[in-house]
């Protein structure tokens, strides 16, 4: 079993170690997906600012609709451009998530999950949950059956009285359910960007972060070096130190033998000739 683990993690670490060099690709794709959505929504609200404020006030019953309209418009518009270039991605993700959360609760919540109503219960993503007995999923399947019946009736009418082929040339007719699906999806993607950031290699944040952290590291190293120099003890040579024992001892004269000149003996001790010889008196 240990050999199997080593083989698995050997392949795992080698393969995903190579892919780690491209870990900025996923945040890039999320940003490129979300940026046009946010920019388009912000541009629409910017061009219809008064209508947006009226919808927020009278349609949704929110307070201060003019202020909310401006905040929502510029959050989506500027936030979309920041996501596009990868600048302040973590920060801008927060107000965009708040906007998606408010939209999901106030606009889409009562319509359920699906943005486009499924018309076939057999292929609906609610079917596994309905099989588990979830009441909301069963209601969704019933709604899908009703949607399918209405679409079939519409197709019969258009085949009889209209040019059905021309009408469906660009796509099949669908029923917009306007549920929370898109708002929840955008919220999850923005949440991922808040944790991962804009990613390396493909965002402005990556290069600004590298430069800023390099300057901080250089500044910290300089401060640490200056602190070490300030705290280092100053060494005083012993010959100059006032506390040196050599400074306390008095200077001694050199050990040289001083030779004094000898004085002559007194006259009575001077002898001339033999000790017993005396000079006769004549």
C-alpha atoms as a PDB file:
ATOM      1  CA  UNK A   1       0.000   0.000   0.000  1.00  0.00           C
ATOM      2  CA  UNK A   2       2.872   2.374   0.788  1.00  0.00           C
ATOM      3  CA  UNK A   3       4.332   1.718  -2.660  1.00  0.00           C
ATOM      4  CA  UNK A   4       0.977   2.552  -4.221  1.00  0.00           C
ATOM      5  CA  UNK A   5       0.811   5.813  -2.283  1.00  0.00           C
ATOM      6  CA  UNK A   6       4.331   6.781  -3.365  1.00  0.00           C
ATOM      7  CA  UNK A   7       3.533   6.035  -6.999  1.00  0.00           C
ATOM      8  CA  UNK A   8       0.297   8.008  -6.885  1.00  0.00           C
ATOM      9  CA  UNK A   9       1.777  11.068  -5.204  1.00  0.00           C
ATOM     10  CA  UNK A  10       4.819  10.913  -7.444  1.00  0.00           C
ATOM     11  CA  UNK A  11       2.613  11.232 -10.524  1.00  0.00           C
ATOM     12  CA  UNK A  12       0.321  13.711  -8.740  1.00  0.00           C
ATOM     13  CA  UNK A  13       3.105  16.058  -7.644  1.00  0.00           C
ATOM     14  CA  UNK A  14       4.888  15.909 -10.997  1.00  0.00           C
ATOM     15  CA  UNK A  15       1.787  16.569 -13.085  1.00  0.00           C
ATOM     16  CA  UNK A  16       0.185  19.254 -10.944  1.00  0.00           C
ATOM     17  CA  UNK A  17       3.570  20.768 -10.206  1.00  0.00           C
ATOM     18  CA  UNK A  18       3.830  21.513 -13.920  1.00  0.00           C
ATOM     19  CA  UNK A  19       0.268  22.843 -14.004  1.00  0.00           C
ATOM     20  CA  UNK A  20       0.999  25.090 -11.018  1.00  0.00           C
ATOM     21  CA  UNK A  21       2.941  27.363 -13.337  1.00  0.00           C
ATOM     22  CA  UNK A  22      -0.338  28.084 -15.140  1.00  0.00           C
ATOM     23  CA  UNK A  23      -2.503  28.537 -12.050  1.00  0.00           C
ATOM     24  CA  UNK A  24      -3.318  32.074 -13.156  1.00  0.00           C
ATOM     25  CA  UNK A  25      -5.211  30.754 -16.169  1.00  0.00           C
ATOM     26  CA  UNK A  26      -8.384  29.857 -14.243  1.00  0.00           C
ATOM     27  CA  UNK A  27      -8.802  33.313 -12.622  1.00  0.00           C
ATOM     28  CA  UNK A  28      -8.132  34.871 -16.031  1.00  0.00           C
ATOM     29  CA  UNK A  29     -10.948  32.901 -17.658  1.00  0.00           C
ATOM     30  CA  UNK A  30     -13.353  33.741 -14.827  1.00  0.00           C
ATOM     31  CA  UNK A  31     -12.498  37.422 -15.163  1.00  0.00           C
ATOM     32  CA  UNK A  32     -12.927  37.362 -18.930  1.00  0.00           C
ATOM     33  CA  UNK A  33     -16.304  35.688 -18.453  1.00  0.00           C
ATOM     34  CA  UNK A  34     -17.579  38.110 -15.826  1.00  0.00           C
ATOM     35  CA  UNK A  35     -16.145  41.389 -17.152  1.00  0.00           C
ATOM     36  CA  UNK A  36     -18.405  41.693 -20.248  1.00  0.00           C
ATOM     37  CA  UNK A  37     -21.460  40.740 -18.186  1.00  0.00           C
ATOM     38  CA  UNK A  38     -20.792  43.449 -15.608  1.00  0.00           C
ATOM     39  CA  UNK A  39     -19.798  46.082 -18.168  1.00  0.00           C
ATOM     40  CA  UNK A  40     -22.908  45.461 -20.276  1.00  0.00           C
ATOM     41  CA  UNK A  41     -25.196  45.613 -17.220  1.00  0.00           C
ATOM     42  CA  UNK A  42     -23.512  48.788 -15.996  1.00  0.00           C
ATOM     43  CA  UNK A  43     -23.707  50.470 -19.410  1.00  0.00           C
ATOM     44  CA  UNK A  44     -27.409  49.703 -19.709  1.00  0.00           C
ATOM     45  CA  UNK A  45     -28.124  51.179 -16.279  1.00  0.00           C
ATOM     46  CA  UNK A  46     -25.915  54.199 -17.052  1.00  0.00           C
ATOM     47  CA  UNK A  47     -27.891  54.964 -20.212  1.00  0.00           C
ATOM     48  CA  UNK A  48     -31.198  54.465 -18.383  1.00  0.00           C
ATOM     49  CA  UNK A  49     -30.308  55.834 -14.961  1.00  0.00           C
ATOM     50  CA  UNK A  50     -33.692  57.436 -14.301  1.00  0.00           C
ATOM     51  CA  UNK A  51     -35.581  54.298 -15.325  1.00  0.00           C
ATOM     52  CA  UNK A  52     -33.287  52.211 -13.120  1.00  0.00           C
ATOM     53  CA  UNK A  53     -33.980  54.443 -10.124  1.00  0.00           C
ATOM     54  CA  UNK A  54     -37.722  54.282 -10.773  1.00  0.00           C
ATOM     55  CA  UNK A  55     -37.603  50.481 -11.042  1.00  0.00           C
ATOM     56  CA  UNK A  56     -35.652  50.188  -7.798  1.00  0.00           C
ATOM     57  CA  UNK A  57     -38.074  52.478  -5.998  1.00  0.00           C
ATOM     58  CA  UNK A  58     -41.514  51.616  -7.330  1.00  0.00           C
ATOM     59  CA  UNK A  59     -40.797  48.135  -8.626  1.00  0.00           C
ATOM     60  CA  UNK A  60     -38.752  46.731  -5.763  1.00  0.00           C
ATOM     61  CA  UNK A  61     -39.667  49.162  -3.004  1.00  0.00           C
ATOM     62  CA  UNK A  62     -36.057  49.890  -2.030  1.00  0.00           C
ATOM     63  CA  UNK A  63     -35.177  53.080  -0.113  1.00  0.00           C
ATOM     64  CA  UNK A  64     -33.146  55.900  -1.707  1.00  0.00           C
ATOM     65  CA  UNK A  65     -33.592  54.581  -5.253  1.00  0.00           C
ATOM     66  CA  UNK A  66     -31.575  57.393  -6.912  1.00  0.00           C
ATOM     67  CA  UNK A  67     -28.540  56.727  -4.719  1.00  0.00           C
ATOM     68  CA  UNK A  68     -28.869  52.964  -5.100  1.00  0.00           C
ATOM     69  CA  UNK A  69     -29.150  53.325  -8.877  1.00  0.00           C
ATOM     70  CA  UNK A  70     -25.881  55.238  -9.059  1.00  0.00           C
ATOM     71  CA  UNK A  71     -24.084  52.886  -6.691  1.00  0.00           C
ATOM     72  CA  UNK A  72     -25.265  49.830  -8.608  1.00  0.00           C
ATOM     73  CA  UNK A  73     -24.461  51.359 -11.995  1.00  0.00           C
ATOM     74  CA  UNK A  74     -20.902  52.416 -11.205  1.00  0.00           C
ATOM     75  CA  UNK A  75     -20.186  49.259  -9.214  1.00  0.00           C
ATOM     76  CA  UNK A  76     -21.011  47.079 -12.208  1.00  0.00           C
ATOM     77  CA  UNK A  77     -19.433  49.395 -14.788  1.00  0.00           C
ATOM     78  CA  UNK A  78     -16.139  50.152 -13.036  1.00  0.00           C
ATOM     79  CA  UNK A  79     -16.001  46.706 -11.479  1.00  0.00           C
ATOM     80  CA  UNK A  80     -16.263  45.107 -14.905  1.00  0.00           C
ATOM     81  CA  UNK A  81     -13.281  47.081 -16.220  1.00  0.00           C
ATOM     82  CA  UNK A  82     -11.229  46.309 -13.113  1.00  0.00           C
ATOM     83  CA  UNK A  83     -11.949  42.611 -13.561  1.00  0.00           C
ATOM     84  CA  UNK A  84     -10.960  42.850 -17.202  1.00  0.00           C
ATOM     85  CA  UNK A  85      -7.506  44.245 -16.427  1.00  0.00           C
ATOM     86  CA  UNK A  86      -7.042  42.327 -13.184  1.00  0.00           C
ATOM     87  CA  UNK A  87      -6.702  45.404 -10.976  1.00  0.00           C
ATOM     88  CA  UNK A  88      -7.885  45.326  -7.342  1.00  0.00           C
ATOM     89  CA  UNK A  89      -9.699  42.075  -8.110  1.00  0.00           C
ATOM     90  CA  UNK A  90     -10.153  40.966  -4.505  1.00  0.00           C
ATOM     91  CA  UNK A  91     -11.525  44.333  -3.418  1.00  0.00           C
ATOM     92  CA  UNK A  92     -13.898  44.865  -6.317  1.00  0.00           C
ATOM     93  CA  UNK A  93     -15.292  41.351  -5.958  1.00  0.00           C
ATOM     94  CA  UNK A  94     -16.871  42.292  -2.619  1.00  0.00           C
ATOM     95  CA  UNK A  95     -19.290  45.035  -3.800  1.00  0.00           C
ATOM     96  CA  UNK A  96     -20.090  43.004  -6.905  1.00  0.00           C
ATOM     97  CA  UNK A  97     -21.028  40.027  -4.712  1.00  0.00           C
ATOM     98  CA  UNK A  98     -23.253  42.302  -2.640  1.00  0.00           C
ATOM     99  CA  UNK A  99     -24.962  43.488  -5.844  1.00  0.00           C
ATOM    100  CA  UNK A 100     -25.534  39.896  -6.997  1.00  0.00           C
ATOM    101  CA  UNK A 101     -26.868  38.903  -3.580  1.00  0.00           C
ATOM    102  CA  UNK A 102     -29.302  41.819  -3.482  1.00  0.00           C
ATOM    103  CA  UNK A 103     -30.461  41.054  -7.038  1.00  0.00           C
ATOM    104  CA  UNK A 104     -31.005  37.382  -6.218  1.00  0.00           C
ATOM    105  CA  UNK A 105     -33.078  38.147  -3.130  1.00  0.00           C
ATOM    106  CA  UNK A 106     -35.125  41.109  -4.345  1.00  0.00           C
ATOM    107  CA  UNK A 107     -35.626  40.271  -8.036  1.00  0.00           C
ATOM    108  CA  UNK A 108     -35.200  36.554  -8.718  1.00  0.00           C
ATOM    109  CA  UNK A 109     -35.949  34.703  -5.489  1.00  0.00           C
ATOM    110  CA  UNK A 110     -39.671  34.205  -6.029  1.00  0.00           C
ATOM    111  CA  UNK A 111     -39.036  32.693  -9.477  1.00  0.00           C
ATOM    112  CA  UNK A 112     -37.032  29.742  -8.223  1.00  0.00           C
ATOM    113  CA  UNK A 113     -33.668  28.571  -9.482  1.00  0.00           C
ATOM    114  CA  UNK A 114     -33.794  28.382 -13.264  1.00  0.00           C
ATOM    115  CA  UNK A 115     -33.137  31.438 -15.406  1.00  0.00           C
ATOM    116  CA  UNK A 116     -34.540  29.601 -18.466  1.00  0.00           C
ATOM    117  CA  UNK A 117     -37.413  27.296 -17.616  1.00  0.00           C
ATOM    118  CA  UNK A 118     -36.683  23.669 -18.656  1.00  0.00           C
ATOM    119  CA  UNK A 119     -39.360  22.222 -20.908  1.00  0.00           C
ATOM    120  CA  UNK A 120     -38.577  18.531 -20.452  1.00  0.00           C
ATOM    121  CA  UNK A 121     -38.851  17.043 -16.962  1.00  0.00           C
ATOM    122  CA  UNK A 122     -36.699  14.053 -17.947  1.00  0.00           C
ATOM    123  CA  UNK A 123     -33.660  16.253 -18.649  1.00  0.00           C
ATOM    124  CA  UNK A 124     -34.224  18.840 -15.942  1.00  0.00           C
ATOM    125  CA  UNK A 125     -31.466  19.196 -13.357  1.00  0.00           C
ATOM    126  CA  UNK A 126     -34.195  19.176 -10.714  1.00  0.00           C
ATOM    127  CA  UNK A 127     -35.025  15.528 -11.434  1.00  0.00           C
ATOM    128  CA  UNK A 128     -32.349  13.954  -9.149  1.00  0.00           C
ATOM    129  CA  UNK A 129     -33.538  16.149  -6.289  1.00  0.00           C
ATOM    130  CA  UNK A 130     -37.153  15.323  -7.060  1.00  0.00           C
ATOM    131  CA  UNK A 131     -36.299  11.603  -6.916  1.00  0.00           C
ATOM    132  CA  UNK A 132     -34.909  12.228  -3.434  1.00  0.00           C
ATOM    133  CA  UNK A 133     -38.276  13.639  -2.402  1.00  0.00           C
ATOM    134  CA  UNK A 134     -37.504  17.361  -2.309  1.00  0.00           C
ATOM    135  CA  UNK A 135     -40.841  19.209  -2.635  1.00  0.00           C
ATOM    136  CA  UNK A 136     -39.386  22.240  -4.443  1.00  0.00           C
ATOM    137  CA  UNK A 137     -37.765  19.958  -7.023  1.00  0.00           C
ATOM    138  CA  UNK A 138     -41.059  18.165  -7.647  1.00  0.00           C
ATOM    139  CA  UNK A 139     -42.776  21.509  -8.160  1.00  0.00           C
ATOM    140  CA  UNK A 140     -40.032  22.412 -10.629  1.00  0.00           C
ATOM    141  CA  UNK A 141     -40.700  19.253 -12.636  1.00  0.00           C
ATOM    142  CA  UNK A 142     -44.402  20.069 -12.733  1.00  0.00           C
ATOM    143  CA  UNK A 143     -43.521  23.550 -13.967  1.00  0.00           C
ATOM    144  CA  UNK A 144     -41.277  22.021 -16.631  1.00  0.00           C
ATOM    145  CA  UNK A 145     -44.164  19.905 -17.868  1.00  0.00           C
ATOM    146  CA  UNK A 146     -46.402  22.981 -18.075  1.00  0.00           C
ATOM    147  CA  UNK A 147     -43.698  24.922 -19.920  1.00  0.00           C
ATOM    148  CA  UNK A 148     -43.304  22.086 -22.420  1.00  0.00           C
ATOM    149  CA  UNK A 149     -47.047  22.006 -23.102  1.00  0.00           C
ATOM    150  CA  UNK A 150     -47.131  25.744 -23.771  1.00  0.00           C
ATOM    151  CA  UNK A 151     -44.130  25.628 -26.070  1.00  0.00           C
ATOM    152  CA  UNK A 152     -45.707  22.808 -28.075  1.00  0.00           C
ATOM    153  CA  UNK A 153     -48.907  24.823 -28.415  1.00  0.00           C
ATOM    154  CA  UNK A 154     -46.953  27.914 -29.493  1.00  0.00           C
ATOM    155  CA  UNK A 155     -45.112  25.854 -32.105  1.00  0.00           C
ATOM    156  CA  UNK A 156     -48.420  24.570 -33.500  1.00  0.00           C
ATOM    157  CA  UNK A 157     -49.821  28.104 -33.774  1.00  0.00           C
ATOM    158  CA  UNK A 158     -46.684  29.456 -35.433  1.00  0.00           C
ATOM    159  CA  UNK A 159     -46.548  26.550 -37.890  1.00  0.00           C
ATOM    160  CA  UNK A 160     -50.150  27.232 -38.854  1.00  0.00           C
ATOM    161  CA  UNK A 161     -50.173  31.016 -38.962  1.00  0.00           C
ATOM    162  CA  UNK A 162     -46.546  32.095 -39.170  1.00  0.00           C
ATOM    163  CA  UNK A 163     -43.135  31.332 -40.550  1.00  0.00           C
ATOM    164  CA  UNK A 164     -41.934  28.997 -37.803  1.00  0.00           C
ATOM    165  CA  UNK A 165     -38.679  28.173 -39.583  1.00  0.00           C
ATOM    166  CA  UNK A 166     -37.712  31.832 -39.786  1.00  0.00           C
ATOM    167  CA  UNK A 167     -38.742  32.465 -36.188  1.00  0.00           C
ATOM    168  CA  UNK A 168     -36.573  29.628 -34.880  1.00  0.00           C
ATOM    169  CA  UNK A 169     -33.658  30.135 -37.239  1.00  0.00           C
ATOM    170  CA  UNK A 170     -31.557  31.792 -34.510  1.00  0.00           C
ATOM    171  CA  UNK A 171     -32.618  29.407 -31.764  1.00  0.00           C
ATOM    172  CA  UNK A 172     -35.537  27.584 -30.256  1.00  0.00           C
ATOM    173  CA  UNK A 173     -38.302  29.428 -28.481  1.00  0.00           C
ATOM    174  CA  UNK A 174     -37.875  29.337 -24.708  1.00  0.00           C
ATOM    175  CA  UNK A 175     -39.682  30.552 -21.614  1.00  0.00           C
ATOM    176  CA  UNK A 176     -37.658  32.897 -19.422  1.00  0.00           C
ATOM    177  CA  UNK A 177     -38.131  31.903 -15.802  1.00  0.00           C
ATOM    178  CA  UNK A 178     -35.918  34.697 -14.401  1.00  0.00           C
ATOM    179  CA  UNK A 179     -34.765  32.668 -11.414  1.00  0.00           C
ATOM    180  CA  UNK A 180     -31.657  33.133  -9.279  1.00  0.00           C
ATOM    181  CA  UNK A 181     -29.463  30.842 -11.406  1.00  0.00           C
ATOM    182  CA  UNK A 182     -27.376  33.523 -13.108  1.00  0.00           C
ATOM    183  CA  UNK A 183     -27.063  35.752 -10.049  1.00  0.00           C
ATOM    184  CA  UNK A 184     -25.983  32.776  -7.913  1.00  0.00           C
ATOM    185  CA  UNK A 185     -23.487  31.648 -10.561  1.00  0.00           C
ATOM    186  CA  UNK A 186     -21.920  35.116 -10.758  1.00  0.00           C
ATOM    187  CA  UNK A 187     -21.785  35.280  -6.959  1.00  0.00           C
ATOM    188  CA  UNK A 188     -19.891  31.973  -6.771  1.00  0.00           C
ATOM    189  CA  UNK A 189     -17.426  33.069  -9.449  1.00  0.00           C
ATOM    190  CA  UNK A 190     -16.808  36.372  -7.689  1.00  0.00           C
ATOM    191  CA  UNK A 191     -16.319  34.530  -4.414  1.00  0.00           C
ATOM    192  CA  UNK A 192     -13.654  32.419  -6.080  1.00  0.00           C
ATOM    193  CA  UNK A 193     -11.881  35.562  -7.316  1.00  0.00           C
ATOM    194  CA  UNK A 194     -12.003  37.077  -3.846  1.00  0.00           C
ATOM    195  CA  UNK A 195     -10.014  34.097  -2.520  1.00  0.00           C
ATOM    196  CA  UNK A 196      -7.665  33.612  -5.479  1.00  0.00           C
ATOM    197  CA  UNK A 197      -7.200  37.168  -6.704  1.00  0.00           C
ATOM    198  CA  UNK A 198      -6.610  38.011 -10.321  1.00  0.00           C
ATOM    199  CA  UNK A 199      -4.002  35.277 -10.739  1.00  0.00           C
ATOM    200  CA  UNK A 200      -0.386  35.566 -11.740  1.00  0.00           C
ATOM    201  CA  UNK A 201       1.045  36.425 -15.147  1.00  0.00           C
ATOM    202  CA  UNK A 202      -2.259  37.774 -16.489  1.00  0.00           C
ATOM    203  CA  UNK A 203      -3.287  40.514 -14.042  1.00  0.00           C
ATOM    204  CA  UNK A 204      -2.032  43.962 -13.109  1.00  0.00           C
ATOM    205  CA  UNK A 205      -2.340  43.011  -9.426  1.00  0.00           C
ATOM    206  CA  UNK A 206       0.352  40.361  -9.815  1.00  0.00           C
ATOM    207  CA  UNK A 207       3.040  42.761 -11.006  1.00  0.00           C
ATOM    208  CA  UNK A 208       2.102  45.558  -8.622  1.00  0.00           C
ATOM    209  CA  UNK A 209       2.166  43.101  -5.735  1.00  0.00           C
ATOM    210  CA  UNK A 210       5.618  41.827  -6.685  1.00  0.00           C
ATOM    211  CA  UNK A 211       7.071  45.340  -6.865  1.00  0.00           C
ATOM    212  CA  UNK A 212       5.475  46.461  -3.611  1.00  0.00           C
ATOM    213  CA  UNK A 213       6.602  43.407  -1.661  1.00  0.00           C
ATOM    214  CA  UNK A 214      10.128  43.703  -3.056  1.00  0.00           C
ATOM    215  CA  UNK A 215      10.330  47.297  -1.809  1.00  0.00           C
ATOM    216  CA  UNK A 216       8.975  46.300   1.585  1.00  0.00           C
ATOM    217  CA  UNK A 217      11.542  43.499   1.859  1.00  0.00           C
ATOM    218  CA  UNK A 218      14.363  45.866   0.916  1.00  0.00           C
ATOM    219  CA  UNK A 219      13.175  48.430   3.453  1.00  0.00           C
ATOM    220  CA  UNK A 220      12.920  45.799   6.194  1.00  0.00           C
ATOM    221  CA  UNK A 221      16.422  44.546   5.469  1.00  0.00           C
ATOM    222  CA  UNK A 222      17.783  48.087   5.658  1.00  0.00           C
ATOM    223  CA  UNK A 223      16.018  48.704   8.958  1.00  0.00           C
ATOM    224  CA  UNK A 224      17.294  45.437  10.400  1.00  0.00           C
ATOM    225  CA  UNK A 225      20.858  46.256   9.364  1.00  0.00           C
ATOM    226  CA  UNK A 226      20.629  49.725  10.903  1.00  0.00           C
ATOM    227  CA  UNK A 227      19.218  48.267  14.117  1.00  0.00           C
ATOM    228  CA  UNK A 228      22.024  45.732  14.352  1.00  0.00           C
ATOM    229  CA  UNK A 229      24.612  48.458  13.900  1.00  0.00           C
ATOM    230  CA  UNK A 230      22.963  50.625  16.540  1.00  0.00           C
ATOM    231  CA  UNK A 231      22.803  47.791  19.072  1.00  0.00           C
ATOM    232  CA  UNK A 232      26.362  46.521  18.463  1.00  0.00           C
ATOM    233  CA  UNK A 233      28.745  47.295  21.449  1.00  0.00           C
ATOM    234  CA  UNK A 234      31.588  49.777  20.830  1.00  0.00           C
ATOM    235  CA  UNK A 235      34.981  48.115  21.451  1.00  0.00           C
ATOM    236  CA  UNK A 236      37.590  50.285  23.266  1.00  0.00           C
ATOM    237  CA  UNK A 237      41.298  49.361  22.982  1.00  0.00           C
ATOM    238  CA  UNK A 238      42.861  48.275  26.288  1.00  0.00           C
ATOM    239  CA  UNK A 239      45.780  50.713  26.044  1.00  0.00           C
ATOM    240  CA  UNK A 240      43.282  53.612  25.948  1.00  0.00           C
ATOM    241  CA  UNK A 241      40.741  52.288  28.401  1.00  0.00           C
ATOM    242  CA  UNK A 242      40.670  54.104  31.713  1.00  0.00           C
ATOM    243  CA  UNK A 243      39.726  50.912  33.499  1.00  0.00           C
ATOM    244  CA  UNK A 244      42.777  49.023  32.301  1.00  0.00           C
ATOM    245  CA  UNK A 245      45.074  47.795  35.100  1.00  0.00           C
ATOM    246  CA  UNK A 246      48.035  49.181  33.199  1.00  0.00           C
ATOM    247  CA  UNK A 247      46.619  52.678  33.582  1.00  0.00           C
ATOM    248  CA  UNK A 248      46.360  52.363  37.365  1.00  0.00           C
ATOM    249  CA  UNK A 249      49.933  51.107  37.972  1.00  0.00           C
ATOM    250  CA  UNK A 250      52.561  53.886  38.418  1.00  0.00           C
ATOM    251  CA  UNK A 251      55.333  54.068  35.962  1.00  0.00           C
ATOM    252  CA  UNK A 252      58.470  52.402  37.312  1.00  0.00           C
ATOM    253  CA  UNK A 253      61.994  53.479  36.409  1.00  0.00           C
ATOM    254  CA  UNK A 254      63.980  51.132  34.286  1.00  0.00           C
ATOM    255  CA  UNK A 255      65.838  48.473  36.185  1.00  0.00           C
ATOM    256  CA  UNK A 256      69.297  49.889  35.537  1.00  0.00           C
ATOM    257  CA  UNK A 257      71.986  49.792  38.326  1.00  0.00           C
ATOM    258  CA  UNK A 258      73.093  53.269  39.317  1.00  0.00           C
ATOM    259  CA  UNK A 259      76.831  53.400  40.075  1.00  0.00           C
ATOM    260  CA  UNK A 260      77.813  56.145  42.534  1.00  0.00           C
ATOM    261  CA  UNK A 261      81.393  57.457  42.658  1.00  0.00           C
ATOM    262  CA  UNK A 262      83.224  56.070  45.719  1.00  0.00           C
ATOM    263  CA  UNK A 263      84.621  58.587  48.244  1.00  0.00           C
ATOM    264  CA  UNK A 264      88.202  58.148  49.515  1.00  0.00           C
ATOM    265  CA  UNK A 265      88.641  56.643  53.014  1.00  0.00           C
ATOM    266  CA  UNK A 266      89.466  58.920  55.916  1.00  0.00           C
ATOM    267  CA  UNK A 267      93.103  59.888  56.525  1.00  0.00           C
ATOM    268  CA  UNK A 268      93.472  57.775  59.579  1.00  0.00           C
ATOM    269  CA  UNK A 269      92.532  54.730  57.588  1.00  0.00           C
ATOM    270  CA  UNK A 270      95.123  55.417  54.920  1.00  0.00           C
ATOM    271  CA  UNK A 271      98.232  53.248  55.285  1.00  0.00           C
ATOM    272  CA  UNK A 272     101.596  53.794  53.820  1.00  0.00           C
ATOM    273  CA  UNK A 273     103.819  50.812  53.516  1.00  0.00           C
ATOM    274  CA  UNK A 274     103.593  48.015  56.012  1.00  0.00           C
ATOM    275  CA  UNK A 275     101.135  48.229  58.881  1.00  0.00           C
ATOM    276  CA  UNK A 276     103.844  48.223  61.568  1.00  0.00           C
ATOM    277  CA  UNK A 277     106.267  50.627  59.842  1.00  0.00           C
ATOM    278  CA  UNK A 278     106.541  54.073  61.296  1.00  0.00           C
ATOM    279  CA  UNK A 279     108.479  57.040  60.176  1.00  0.00           C
ATOM    280  CA  UNK A 280     111.289  57.727  62.697  1.00  0.00           C
ATOM    281  CA  UNK A 281     111.531  61.101  64.311  1.00  0.00           C
ATOM    282  CA  UNK A 282     114.828  62.757  63.871  1.00  0.00           C
END
